[in-house]
Amino acid sequence: MQLSFNKHRLPNTLDQLREGQNAVLEHLDLPHDTATRLMELGFVPGHIISAARSAPGGDPRVFRVDGSEVALRRETARHLQIRLTE
């Protein structure tokens, strides 16, 4: 039996996206009111999101979506499911 460990695991939630990476938003796993507000800001499933910068302490993080830059706390970004773009 052979076990393999991938040290460079692909991100599957928005909080794991590194600066400069792009991903497609797949799903928002948040309460309805919060998900609705994020969708109003451009976080709509199927849209491409780019990780921009972060605050000096690492939280919040800035993401580019739908022509805007939006800051999200890591706790919120952790509930947005993504798929990396090629």
Protein backbone atom coordinates (compact mmCIF):
# COMPACT_ATOMS: atom_id res chain seq x y z
CA MET A 1 0.00 0.00 0.00
CA GLN A 2 1.36 3.38 -0.99
CA LEU A 3 0.29 6.64 0.54
CA SER A 4 0.96 9.95 -1.12
CA PHE A 5 0.64 13.38 0.35
CA ASN A 6 0.20 16.46 -1.77
CA LYS A 7 2.06 19.32 -0.08
CA HIS A 8 0.63 21.78 -2.60
CA ARG A 9 -3.05 21.08 -2.09
CA LEU A 10 -5.28 23.02 -4.44
CA PRO A 11 -7.42 25.65 -2.75
CA ASN A 12 -11.10 24.83 -2.55
CA THR A 13 -12.31 27.79 -0.51
CA LEU A 14 -11.72 31.48 -1.15
CA ASP A 15 -9.65 32.01 2.00
CA GLN A 16 -7.02 29.59 0.60
CA LEU A 17 -6.53 31.52 -2.66
CA ARG A 18 -3.07 33.09 -2.87
CA GLU A 19 -2.45 36.63 -4.07
CA GLY A 20 -2.60 36.75 -7.87
CA GLN A 21 -4.54 33.49 -8.25
CA ASN A 22 -7.90 33.37 -10.03
CA ALA A 23 -10.80 31.06 -9.33
CA VAL A 24 -14.40 30.51 -10.32
CA LEU A 25 -16.90 30.81 -7.50
CA GLU A 26 -18.82 27.54 -7.20
CA HIS A 27 -21.04 27.89 -4.12
CA LEU A 28 -21.73 30.17 -1.14
CA ASP A 29 -22.22 28.18 2.05
CA LEU A 30 -23.56 31.05 4.15
CA PRO A 31 -26.85 32.15 5.70
CA HIS A 32 -29.30 33.52 3.12
CA ASP A 33 -28.95 37.19 4.14
CA THR A 34 -25.14 37.10 4.01
CA ALA A 35 -25.07 35.18 0.73
CA THR A 36 -27.53 37.64 -0.82
CA ARG A 37 -25.41 40.62 0.22
CA LEU A 38 -22.25 39.04 -1.21
CA MET A 39 -24.05 38.28 -4.47
CA GLU A 40 -25.08 41.95 -4.64
CA LEU A 41 -21.35 42.77 -4.43
CA GLY A 42 -20.55 40.42 -7.34
CA PHE A 43 -19.84 37.12 -5.59
CA VAL A 44 -22.14 35.17 -7.90
CA PRO A 45 -21.52 31.49 -8.70
CA GLY A 46 -19.79 31.25 -12.06
CA HIS A 47 -17.95 34.59 -11.72
CA ILE A 48 -14.15 34.76 -11.67
CA ILE A 49 -12.57 36.04 -8.47
CA SER A 50 -8.95 37.21 -8.12
CA ALA A 51 -7.09 37.36 -4.84
CA ALA A 52 -5.56 40.82 -4.47
CA ARG A 53 -3.91 41.89 -1.24
CA SER A 54 -4.48 41.59 2.47
CA ALA A 55 -4.22 43.80 5.51
CA PRO A 56 -0.87 43.77 7.34
CA GLY A 57 -2.14 41.15 9.78
CA GLY A 58 -3.58 39.04 6.96
CA ASP A 59 -7.23 39.80 7.69
CA PRO A 60 -9.31 41.08 5.92
CA ARG A 61 -8.31 40.06 2.38
CA VAL A 62 -9.15 41.99 -0.77
CA PHE A 63 -10.62 40.18 -3.76
CA ARG A 64 -11.35 41.50 -7.25
CA VAL A 65 -14.74 40.49 -8.57
CA ASP A 66 -16.98 41.93 -11.27
CA GLY A 67 -14.75 45.02 -11.73
CA SER A 68 -14.63 45.91 -8.03
CA GLU A 69 -12.37 45.25 -5.08
CA VAL A 70 -14.09 43.86 -2.00
CA ALA A 71 -12.53 43.12 1.39
CA LEU A 72 -13.72 39.97 3.15
CA ARG A 73 -12.75 38.52 6.47
CA ARG A 74 -11.10 35.11 6.24
CA GLU A 75 -13.94 33.62 8.27
CA THR A 76 -16.42 34.69 5.58
CA ALA A 77 -14.14 33.72 2.67
CA ARG A 78 -13.82 30.25 4.21
CA HIS A 79 -17.47 29.60 3.28
CA LEU A 80 -17.12 30.37 -0.44
CA GLN A 81 -16.35 27.26 -2.49
CA ILE A 82 -14.12 27.81 -5.53
CA ARG A 83 -12.49 26.04 -8.48
CA LEU A 84 -9.12 27.27 -9.75
CA THR A 85 -8.98 28.54 -13.32
CA GLU A 86 -6.34 27.22 -15.68
